[in-house]
């Protein structure tokens, strides 16, 4: 809190950018496991939906939940290079 004197400020642990907070991740996994265990087996379903539309030729827009992405092909394949190609998105998805 910026308006408190320095001696009253709580020190927040600094996490390096790009590092995964394993304690936070494990807490979330345990929370989800408990939530799923409390749900009858026949109601344990998760649905993920993605929708895509053509903007122009091979230039596409995709939506997954609240996130939007644009995909395009390189110039050599008739695209305009306004986004990664669908294959590149697939590759990064596999890398995750």
PDB file of N, CA and C in Angstrom:
ATOM      1  N   UNK A   1       0.852  -1.175   0.000  1.00  0.00           N
ATOM      2  CA  UNK A   1       0.000   0.000   0.000  1.00  0.00           C
ATOM      3  C   UNK A   1       0.891   1.229   0.000  1.00  0.00           C
ATOM      4  N   UNK A   2       0.738   2.051  -0.980  1.00  0.00           N
ATOM      5  CA  UNK A   2       1.659   3.149  -1.211  1.00  0.00           C
ATOM      6  C   UNK A   2       1.575   4.237  -0.151  1.00  0.00           C
ATOM      7  N   UNK A   3       0.403   4.441   0.466  1.00  0.00           N
ATOM      8  CA  UNK A   3       0.285   5.546   1.399  1.00  0.00           C
ATOM      9  C   UNK A   3       0.641   5.171   2.834  1.00  0.00           C
ATOM     10  N   UNK A   4       1.062   3.942   3.097  1.00  0.00           N
ATOM     11  CA  UNK A   4       1.494   3.547   4.435  1.00  0.00           C
ATOM     12  C   UNK A   4       2.982   3.819   4.585  1.00  0.00           C
ATOM     13  N   UNK A   5       3.406   4.166   5.804  1.00  0.00           N
ATOM     14  CA  UNK A   5       4.847   4.320   6.017  1.00  0.00           C
ATOM     15  C   UNK A   5       5.560   3.011   5.736  1.00  0.00           C
ATOM     16  N   UNK A   6       6.815   3.112   5.324  1.00  0.00           N
ATOM     17  CA  UNK A   6       7.587   1.931   4.940  1.00  0.00           C
ATOM     18  C   UNK A   6       7.624   0.862   6.015  1.00  0.00           C
ATOM     19  N   UNK A   7       7.720   1.258   7.296  1.00  0.00           N
ATOM     20  CA  UNK A   7       7.838   0.257   8.363  1.00  0.00           C
ATOM     21  C   UNK A   7       6.556  -0.542   8.548  1.00  0.00           C
ATOM     22  N   UNK A   8       5.399  -0.085   7.990  1.00  0.00           N
ATOM     23  CA  UNK A   8       4.129  -0.794   8.141  1.00  0.00           C
ATOM     24  C   UNK A   8       3.735  -1.583   6.896  1.00  0.00           C
ATOM     25  N   UNK A   9       4.502  -1.500   5.851  1.00  0.00           N
ATOM     26  CA  UNK A   9       4.189  -2.238   4.628  1.00  0.00           C
ATOM     27  C   UNK A   9       4.577  -3.692   4.794  1.00  0.00           C
ATOM     28  N   UNK A  10       3.696  -4.572   4.342  1.00  0.00           N
ATOM     29  CA  UNK A  10       4.006  -5.995   4.373  1.00  0.00           C
ATOM     30  C   UNK A  10       4.849  -6.336   3.165  1.00  0.00           C
ATOM     31  N   UNK A  11       5.853  -7.129   3.392  1.00  0.00           N
ATOM     32  CA  UNK A  11       6.702  -7.573   2.290  1.00  0.00           C
ATOM     33  C   UNK A  11       5.999  -8.685   1.535  1.00  0.00           C
ATOM     34  N   UNK A  12       5.839  -8.510   0.251  1.00  0.00           N
ATOM     35  CA  UNK A  12       5.260  -9.534  -0.605  1.00  0.00           C
ATOM     36  C   UNK A  12       6.403 -10.319  -1.238  1.00  0.00           C
ATOM     37  N   UNK A  13       6.338 -11.640  -1.191  1.00  0.00           N
ATOM     38  CA  UNK A  13       7.415 -12.409  -1.826  1.00  0.00           C
ATOM     39  C   UNK A  13       7.455 -12.110  -3.318  1.00  0.00           C
ATOM     40  N   UNK A  14       8.635 -11.866  -3.814  1.00  0.00           N
ATOM     41  CA  UNK A  14       8.810 -11.581  -5.229  1.00  0.00           C
ATOM     42  C   UNK A  14       8.964 -12.886  -5.988  1.00  0.00           C
ATOM     43  N   UNK A  15       8.108 -13.093  -6.955  1.00  0.00           N
ATOM     44  CA  UNK A  15       8.222 -14.282  -7.787  1.00  0.00           C
ATOM     45  C   UNK A  15       8.821 -13.841  -9.109  1.00  0.00           C
ATOM     46  N   UNK A  16       9.823 -14.574  -9.569  1.00  0.00           N
ATOM     47  CA  UNK A  16      10.449 -14.220 -10.826  1.00  0.00           C
ATOM     48  C   UNK A  16       9.454 -14.415 -11.947  1.00  0.00           C
ATOM     49  N   UNK A  17       9.465 -13.473 -12.872  1.00  0.00           N
ATOM     50  CA  UNK A  17       8.579 -13.550 -14.030  1.00  0.00           C
ATOM     51  C   UNK A  17       8.906 -14.820 -14.817  1.00  0.00           C
ATOM     52  N   UNK A  18       7.878 -15.493 -15.249  1.00  0.00           N
ATOM     53  CA  UNK A  18       8.063 -16.700 -16.034  1.00  0.00           C
ATOM     54  C   UNK A  18       8.193 -17.962 -15.206  1.00  0.00           C
ATOM     55  N   UNK A  19       8.147 -17.851 -13.906  1.00  0.00           N
ATOM     56  CA  UNK A  19       8.251 -19.018 -13.040  1.00  0.00           C
ATOM     57  C   UNK A  19       6.855 -19.455 -12.621  1.00  0.00           C
ATOM     58  N   UNK A  20       6.646 -20.741 -12.529  1.00  0.00           N
ATOM     59  CA  UNK A  20       5.362 -21.289 -12.104  1.00  0.00           C
ATOM     60  C   UNK A  20       5.342 -21.359 -10.587  1.00  0.00           C
ATOM     61  N   UNK A  21       4.268 -20.872  -9.994  1.00  0.00           N
ATOM     62  CA  UNK A  21       4.083 -20.963  -8.550  1.00  0.00           C
ATOM     63  C   UNK A  21       3.494 -22.349  -8.271  1.00  0.00           C
ATOM     64  N   UNK A  22       4.358 -23.298  -7.941  1.00  0.00           N
ATOM     65  CA  UNK A  22       3.935 -24.690  -7.776  1.00  0.00           C
ATOM     66  C   UNK A  22       2.970 -24.872  -6.615  1.00  0.00           C
ATOM     67  N   UNK A  23       3.148 -24.116  -5.532  1.00  0.00           N
ATOM     68  CA  UNK A  23       2.222 -24.212  -4.404  1.00  0.00           C
ATOM     69  C   UNK A  23       0.819 -23.781  -4.816  1.00  0.00           C
ATOM     70  N   UNK A  24       0.735 -22.696  -5.565  1.00  0.00           N
ATOM     71  CA  UNK A  24      -0.559 -22.199  -6.044  1.00  0.00           C
ATOM     72  C   UNK A  24      -1.196 -23.211  -6.999  1.00  0.00           C
ATOM     73  N   UNK A  25      -0.396 -23.776  -7.905  1.00  0.00           N
ATOM     74  CA  UNK A  25      -0.905 -24.769  -8.846  1.00  0.00           C
ATOM     75  C   UNK A  25      -1.429 -25.999  -8.107  1.00  0.00           C
ATOM     76  N   UNK A  26      -0.670 -26.494  -7.122  1.00  0.00           N
ATOM     77  CA  UNK A  26      -1.085 -27.687  -6.377  1.00  0.00           C
ATOM     78  C   UNK A  26      -2.359 -27.410  -5.591  1.00  0.00           C
ATOM     79  N   UNK A  27      -2.464 -26.221  -5.006  1.00  0.00           N
ATOM     80  CA  UNK A  27      -3.679 -25.855  -4.276  1.00  0.00           C
ATOM     81  C   UNK A  27      -4.891 -25.882  -5.207  1.00  0.00           C
ATOM     82  N   UNK A  28      -4.742 -25.364  -6.419  1.00  0.00           N
ATOM     83  CA  UNK A  28      -5.850 -25.357  -7.377  1.00  0.00           C
ATOM     84  C   UNK A  28      -6.199 -26.774  -7.822  1.00  0.00           C
ATOM     85  N   UNK A  29      -5.208 -27.608  -8.048  1.00  0.00           N
ATOM     86  CA  UNK A  29      -5.461 -29.007  -8.428  1.00  0.00           C
ATOM     87  C   UNK A  29      -6.215 -29.733  -7.318  1.00  0.00           C
ATOM     88  N   UNK A  30      -5.786 -29.541  -6.080  1.00  0.00           N
ATOM     89  CA  UNK A  30      -6.459 -30.184  -4.951  1.00  0.00           C
ATOM     90  C   UNK A  30      -7.894 -29.676  -4.809  1.00  0.00           C
ATOM     91  N   UNK A  31      -8.106 -28.384  -5.033  1.00  0.00           N
ATOM     92  CA  UNK A  31      -9.455 -27.818  -4.959  1.00  0.00           C
ATOM     93  C   UNK A  31     -10.344 -28.445  -6.031  1.00  0.00           C
ATOM     94  N   UNK A  32      -9.837 -28.557  -7.251  1.00  0.00           N
ATOM     95  CA  UNK A  32     -10.619 -29.147  -8.338  1.00  0.00           C
ATOM     96  C   UNK A  32     -10.909 -30.628  -8.088  1.00  0.00           C
ATOM     97  N   UNK A  33      -9.933 -31.356  -7.560  1.00  0.00           N
ATOM     98  CA  UNK A  33     -10.156 -32.769  -7.238  1.00  0.00           C
ATOM     99  C   UNK A  33     -11.258 -32.927  -6.200  1.00  0.00           C
ATOM    100  N   UNK A  34     -11.225 -32.094  -5.167  1.00  0.00           N
ATOM    101  CA  UNK A  34     -12.255 -32.160  -4.124  1.00  0.00           C
ATOM    102  C   UNK A  34     -13.628 -31.819  -4.710  1.00  0.00           C
ATOM    103  N   UNK A  35     -13.670 -30.803  -5.560  1.00  0.00           N
ATOM    104  CA  UNK A  35     -14.930 -30.396  -6.188  1.00  0.00           C
ATOM    105  C   UNK A  35     -15.483 -31.511  -7.068  1.00  0.00           C
ATOM    106  N   UNK A  36     -14.615 -32.139  -7.862  1.00  0.00           N
ATOM    107  CA  UNK A  36     -15.062 -33.219  -8.741  1.00  0.00           C
ATOM    108  C   UNK A  36     -15.475 -34.449  -7.934  1.00  0.00           C
ATOM    109  N   UNK A  37     -14.762 -34.757  -6.856  1.00  0.00           N
ATOM    110  CA  UNK A  37     -15.098 -35.913  -6.027  1.00  0.00           C
ATOM    111  C   UNK A  37     -16.456 -35.753  -5.369  1.00  0.00           C
ATOM    112  N   UNK A  38     -16.838 -34.517  -5.084  1.00  0.00           N
ATOM    113  CA  UNK A  38     -18.128 -34.255  -4.448  1.00  0.00           C
ATOM    114  C   UNK A  38     -19.282 -34.307  -5.454  1.00  0.00           C
ATOM    115  N   UNK A  39     -18.961 -34.394  -6.743  1.00  0.00           N
ATOM    116  CA  UNK A  39     -19.973 -34.443  -7.792  1.00  0.00           C
ATOM    117  C   UNK A  39     -20.183 -35.887  -8.220  1.00  0.00           C
ATOM    118  N   UNK A  40     -21.444 -36.327  -8.373  1.00  0.00           N
ATOM    119  CA  UNK A  40     -21.688 -37.705  -8.833  1.00  0.00           C
ATOM    120  C   UNK A  40     -20.977 -37.963 -10.169  1.00  0.00           C
ATOM    121  N   UNK A  41     -20.501 -39.187 -10.355  1.00  0.00           N
ATOM    122  CA  UNK A  41     -19.716 -39.540 -11.542  1.00  0.00           C
ATOM    123  C   UNK A  41     -20.428 -39.211 -12.850  1.00  0.00           C
ATOM    124  N   UNK A  42     -21.735 -39.406 -12.909  1.00  0.00           N
ATOM    125  CA  UNK A  42     -22.463 -39.143 -14.156  1.00  0.00           C
ATOM    126  C   UNK A  42     -22.620 -37.654 -14.455  1.00  0.00           C
ATOM    127  N   UNK A  43     -22.236 -36.778 -13.526  1.00  0.00           N
ATOM    128  CA  UNK A  43     -22.332 -35.332 -13.744  1.00  0.00           C
ATOM    129  C   UNK A  43     -20.961 -34.674 -13.852  1.00  0.00           C
ATOM    130  N   UNK A  44     -19.897 -35.467 -13.902  1.00  0.00           N
ATOM    131  CA  UNK A  44     -18.535 -34.937 -13.993  1.00  0.00           C
ATOM    132  C   UNK A  44     -18.145 -34.715 -15.448  1.00  0.00           C
ATOM    133  N   UNK A  45     -18.666 -33.698 -16.036  1.00  0.00           N
ATOM    134  CA  UNK A  45     -18.328 -33.395 -17.428  1.00  0.00           C
ATOM    135  C   UNK A  45     -17.809 -31.967 -17.534  1.00  0.00           C
ATOM    136  N   UNK A  46     -16.891 -31.789 -18.449  1.00  0.00           N
ATOM    137  CA  UNK A  46     -16.352 -30.470 -18.752  1.00  0.00           C
ATOM    138  C   UNK A  46     -16.469 -30.286 -20.253  1.00  0.00           C
ATOM    139  N   UNK A  47     -17.007 -29.174 -20.679  1.00  0.00           N
ATOM    140  CA  UNK A  47     -17.155 -28.894 -22.097  1.00  0.00           C
ATOM    141  C   UNK A  47     -16.292 -27.699 -22.467  1.00  0.00           C
ATOM    142  N   UNK A  48     -15.480 -27.881 -23.481  1.00  0.00           N
ATOM    143  CA  UNK A  48     -14.669 -26.793 -24.014  1.00  0.00           C
ATOM    144  C   UNK A  48     -15.131 -26.547 -25.436  1.00  0.00           C
ATOM    145  N   UNK A  49     -15.354 -25.281 -25.764  1.00  0.00           N
ATOM    146  CA  UNK A  49     -15.882 -24.961 -27.078  1.00  0.00           C
ATOM    147  C   UNK A  49     -15.005 -23.920 -27.748  1.00  0.00           C
ATOM    148  N   UNK A  50     -14.760 -24.128 -29.017  1.00  0.00           N
ATOM    149  CA  UNK A  50     -14.030 -23.154 -29.826  1.00  0.00           C
ATOM    150  C   UNK A  50     -14.838 -22.903 -31.091  1.00  0.00           C
ATOM    151  N   UNK A  51     -14.891 -21.652 -31.516  1.00  0.00           N
ATOM    152  CA  UNK A  51     -15.628 -21.255 -32.714  1.00  0.00           C
ATOM    153  C   UNK A  51     -14.675 -20.468 -33.606  1.00  0.00           C
ATOM    154  N   UNK A  52     -14.708 -20.734 -34.905  1.00  0.00           N
ATOM    155  CA  UNK A  52     -13.857 -20.004 -35.846  1.00  0.00           C
ATOM    156  C   UNK A  52     -14.706 -19.450 -36.974  1.00  0.00           C
ATOM    157  N   UNK A  53     -14.244 -18.317 -37.517  1.00  0.00           N
ATOM    158  CA  UNK A  53     -14.921 -17.751 -38.682  1.00  0.00           C
ATOM    159  C   UNK A  53     -13.879 -17.212 -39.643  1.00  0.00           C
ATOM    160  N   UNK A  54     -14.211 -17.218 -40.913  1.00  0.00           N
ATOM    161  CA  UNK A  54     -13.315 -16.725 -41.954  1.00  0.00           C
ATOM    162  C   UNK A  54     -13.470 -15.211 -42.042  1.00  0.00           C
ATOM    163  N   UNK A  55     -12.371 -14.497 -41.922  1.00  0.00           N
ATOM    164  CA  UNK A  55     -12.388 -13.042 -42.081  1.00  0.00           C
ATOM    165  C   UNK A  55     -12.154 -12.677 -43.542  1.00  0.00           C
ATOM    166  N   UNK A  56     -11.165 -13.346 -44.169  1.00  0.00           N
ATOM    167  CA  UNK A  56     -10.846 -13.065 -45.567  1.00  0.00           C
ATOM    168  C   UNK A  56      -9.925 -14.163 -46.077  1.00  0.00           C
ATOM    169  N   UNK A  57     -10.333 -14.876 -47.108  1.00  0.00           N
ATOM    170  CA  UNK A  57      -9.550 -15.972 -47.681  1.00  0.00           C
ATOM    171  C   UNK A  57      -9.079 -16.940 -46.588  1.00  0.00           C
ATOM    172  N   UNK A  58      -7.788 -16.922 -46.249  1.00  0.00           N
ATOM    173  CA  UNK A  58      -7.273 -17.836 -45.233  1.00  0.00           C
ATOM    174  C   UNK A  58      -6.986 -17.115 -43.912  1.00  0.00           C
ATOM    175  N   UNK A  59      -7.484 -15.908 -43.760  1.00  0.00           N
ATOM    176  CA  UNK A  59      -7.349 -15.137 -42.516  1.00  0.00           C
ATOM    177  C   UNK A  59      -8.563 -15.477 -41.644  1.00  0.00           C
ATOM    178  N   UNK A  60      -8.321 -16.074 -40.485  1.00  0.00           N
ATOM    179  CA  UNK A  60      -9.393 -16.583 -39.628  1.00  0.00           C
ATOM    180  C   UNK A  60      -9.365 -15.924 -38.254  1.00  0.00           C
ATOM    181  N   UNK A  61     -10.525 -15.930 -37.612  1.00  0.00           N
ATOM    182  CA  UNK A  61     -10.611 -15.493 -36.221  1.00  0.00           C
ATOM    183  C   UNK A  61     -11.206 -16.639 -35.424  1.00  0.00           C
ATOM    184  N   UNK A  62     -10.585 -16.951 -34.299  1.00  0.00           N
ATOM    185  CA  UNK A  62     -11.083 -18.010 -33.435  1.00  0.00           C
ATOM    186  C   UNK A  62     -11.415 -17.461 -32.068  1.00  0.00           C
ATOM    187  N   UNK A  63     -12.428 -18.055 -31.444  1.00  0.00           N
ATOM    188  CA  UNK A  63     -12.830 -17.645 -30.093  1.00  0.00           C
ATOM    189  C   UNK A  63     -12.942 -18.887 -29.230  1.00  0.00           C
ATOM    190  N   UNK A  64     -12.309 -18.808 -28.049  1.00  0.00           N
ATOM    191  CA  UNK A  64     -12.393 -19.856 -27.047  1.00  0.00           C
ATOM    192  C   UNK A  64     -12.717 -19.161 -25.741  1.00  0.00           C
ATOM    193  N   UNK A  65     -13.956 -19.291 -25.289  1.00  0.00           N
ATOM    194  CA  UNK A  65     -14.364 -18.570 -24.088  1.00  0.00           C
ATOM    195  C   UNK A  65     -14.287 -17.078 -24.327  1.00  0.00           C
ATOM    196  N   UNK A  66     -13.537 -16.372 -23.495  1.00  0.00           N
ATOM    197  CA  UNK A  66     -13.424 -14.914 -23.643  1.00  0.00           C
ATOM    198  C   UNK A  66     -12.201 -14.507 -24.463  1.00  0.00           C
ATOM    199  N   UNK A  67     -11.465 -15.480 -24.999  1.00  0.00           N
ATOM    200  CA  UNK A  67     -10.231 -15.194 -25.721  1.00  0.00           C
ATOM    201  C   UNK A  67     -10.438 -15.291 -27.221  1.00  0.00           C
ATOM    202  N   UNK A  68      -9.861 -14.326 -27.932  1.00  0.00           N
ATOM    203  CA  UNK A  68      -9.902 -14.293 -29.390  1.00  0.00           C
ATOM    204  C   UNK A  68      -8.488 -14.395 -29.938  1.00  0.00           C
ATOM    205  N   UNK A  69      -8.320 -15.124 -31.030  1.00  0.00           N
ATOM    206  CA  UNK A  69      -7.043 -15.198 -31.721  1.00  0.00           C
ATOM    207  C   UNK A  69      -7.298 -15.080 -33.214  1.00  0.00           C
ATOM    208  N   UNK A  70      -6.281 -14.621 -33.915  1.00  0.00           N
ATOM    209  CA  UNK A  70      -6.365 -14.565 -35.370  1.00  0.00           C
ATOM    210  C   UNK A  70      -5.315 -15.492 -35.941  1.00  0.00           C
ATOM    211  N   UNK A  71      -5.680 -16.198 -36.975  1.00  0.00           N
ATOM    212  CA  UNK A  71      -4.759 -17.090 -37.666  1.00  0.00           C
ATOM    213  C   UNK A  71      -4.721 -16.695 -39.129  1.00  0.00           C
ATOM    214  N   UNK A  72      -3.589 -16.878 -39.732  1.00  0.00           N
ATOM    215  CA  UNK A  72      -3.417 -16.561 -41.148  1.00  0.00           C
ATOM    216  C   UNK A  72      -2.310 -17.460 -41.682  1.00  0.00           C
ATOM    217  N   UNK A  73      -2.166 -17.480 -42.946  1.00  0.00           N
ATOM    218  CA  UNK A  73      -1.105 -18.253 -43.589  1.00  0.00           C
ATOM    219  C   UNK A  73      -0.017 -17.301 -44.067  1.00  0.00           C
ATOM    220  N   UNK A  74       1.193 -17.817 -44.308  1.00  0.00           N
ATOM    221  CA  UNK A  74       2.244 -16.969 -44.860  1.00  0.00           C
ATOM    222  C   UNK A  74       1.909 -16.530 -46.282  1.00  0.00           C
ATOM    223  N   UNK A  75       2.591 -15.501 -46.748  1.00  0.00           N
ATOM    224  CA  UNK A  75       2.356 -14.981 -48.101  1.00  0.00           C
ATOM    225  C   UNK A  75       2.495 -16.075 -49.148  1.00  0.00           C
ATOM    226  N   UNK A  76       3.450 -16.978 -48.941  1.00  0.00           N
ATOM    227  CA  UNK A  76       3.702 -18.050 -49.911  1.00  0.00           C
ATOM    228  C   UNK A  76       2.527 -19.016 -50.048  1.00  0.00           C
ATOM    229  N   UNK A  77       1.618 -19.009 -49.086  1.00  0.00           N
ATOM    230  CA  UNK A  77       0.450 -19.900 -49.144  1.00  0.00           C
ATOM    231  C   UNK A  77      -0.844 -19.115 -49.354  1.00  0.00           C
ATOM    232  N   UNK A  78      -0.741 -17.873 -49.791  1.00  0.00           N
ATOM    233  CA  UNK A  78      -1.920 -17.069 -50.100  1.00  0.00           C
ATOM    234  C   UNK A  78      -2.452 -16.270 -48.929  1.00  0.00           C
ATOM    235  N   UNK A  79      -1.731 -16.230 -47.837  1.00  0.00           N
ATOM    236  CA  UNK A  79      -2.159 -15.476 -46.662  1.00  0.00           C
ATOM    237  C   UNK A  79      -1.586 -14.072 -46.641  1.00  0.00           C
ATOM    238  N   UNK A  80      -1.851 -13.395 -45.553  1.00  0.00           N
ATOM    239  CA  UNK A  80      -1.362 -12.018 -45.381  1.00  0.00           C
ATOM    240  C   UNK A  80      -0.494 -11.873 -44.135  1.00  0.00           C
ATOM    241  N   UNK A  81      -0.178 -12.998 -43.486  1.00  0.00           N
ATOM    242  CA  UNK A  81       0.681 -13.024 -42.305  1.00  0.00           C
ATOM    243  C   UNK A  81       0.203 -12.094 -41.186  1.00  0.00           C
ATOM    244  N   UNK A  82      -1.120 -12.061 -40.964  1.00  0.00           N
ATOM    245  CA  UNK A  82      -1.676 -11.236 -39.889  1.00  0.00           C
ATOM    246  C   UNK A  82      -1.815 -12.005 -38.586  1.00  0.00           C
ATOM    247  N   UNK A  83      -1.346 -13.228 -38.587  1.00  0.00           N
ATOM    248  CA  UNK A  83      -1.388 -14.051 -37.378  1.00  0.00           C
ATOM    249  C   UNK A  83      -0.610 -15.327 -37.634  1.00  0.00           C
ATOM    250  N   UNK A  84      -0.412 -16.081 -36.582  1.00  0.00           N
ATOM    251  CA  UNK A  84       0.241 -17.379 -36.732  1.00  0.00           C
ATOM    252  C   UNK A  84      -0.662 -18.294 -37.565  1.00  0.00           C
ATOM    253  N   UNK A  85      -0.062 -19.282 -38.201  1.00  0.00           N
ATOM    254  CA  UNK A  85      -0.864 -20.231 -38.975  1.00  0.00           C
ATOM    255  C   UNK A  85      -1.560 -21.199 -38.023  1.00  0.00           C
ATOM    256  N   UNK A  86      -2.640 -21.834 -38.459  1.00  0.00           N
ATOM    257  CA  UNK A  86      -3.285 -22.832 -37.601  1.00  0.00           C
ATOM    258  C   UNK A  86      -2.314 -23.920 -37.150  1.00  0.00           C
ATOM    259  N   UNK A  87      -1.406 -24.337 -38.023  1.00  0.00           N
ATOM    260  CA  UNK A  87      -0.418 -25.340 -37.644  1.00  0.00           C
ATOM    261  C   UNK A  87       0.485 -24.818 -36.527  1.00  0.00           C
ATOM    262  N   UNK A  88       0.869 -23.537 -36.583  1.00  0.00           N
ATOM    263  CA  UNK A  88       1.700 -22.965 -35.521  1.00  0.00           C
ATOM    264  C   UNK A  88       0.942 -22.936 -34.190  1.00  0.00           C
ATOM    265  N   UNK A  89      -0.347 -22.606 -34.218  1.00  0.00           N
ATOM    266  CA  UNK A  89      -1.144 -22.656 -32.983  1.00  0.00           C
ATOM    267  C   UNK A  89      -1.210 -24.079 -32.442  1.00  0.00           C
ATOM    268  N   UNK A  90      -1.378 -25.052 -33.328  1.00  0.00           N
ATOM    269  CA  UNK A  90      -1.398 -26.437 -32.893  1.00  0.00           C
ATOM    270  C   UNK A  90      -0.082 -26.827 -32.234  1.00  0.00           C
ATOM    271  N   UNK A  91       1.030 -26.416 -32.857  1.00  0.00           N
ATOM    272  CA  UNK A  91       2.345 -26.743 -32.325  1.00  0.00           C
ATOM    273  C   UNK A  91       2.565 -26.135 -30.940  1.00  0.00           C
ATOM    274  N   UNK A  92       2.150 -24.890 -30.747  1.00  0.00           N
ATOM    275  CA  UNK A  92       2.331 -24.276 -29.430  1.00  0.00           C
ATOM    276  C   UNK A  92       1.407 -24.940 -28.410  1.00  0.00           C
ATOM    277  N   UNK A  93       0.244 -25.385 -28.840  1.00  0.00           N
ATOM    278  CA  UNK A  93      -0.656 -26.111 -27.932  1.00  0.00           C
ATOM    279  C   UNK A  93      -0.041 -27.414 -27.450  1.00  0.00           C
ATOM    280  N   UNK A  94       0.633 -28.110 -28.339  1.00  0.00           N
ATOM    281  CA  UNK A  94       1.318 -29.345 -27.974  1.00  0.00           C
ATOM    282  C   UNK A  94       2.473 -29.023 -27.022  1.00  0.00           C
ATOM    283  N   UNK A  95       3.149 -27.911 -27.246  1.00  0.00           N
ATOM    284  CA  UNK A  95       4.277 -27.536 -26.397  1.00  0.00           C
ATOM    285  C   UNK A  95       3.827 -27.221 -24.969  1.00  0.00           C
ATOM    286  N   UNK A  96       2.595 -26.725 -24.799  1.00  0.00           N
ATOM    287  CA  UNK A  96       2.099 -26.408 -23.461  1.00  0.00           C
ATOM    288  C   UNK A  96       1.912 -27.690 -22.688  1.00  0.00           C
TER     289      UNK A  96
END
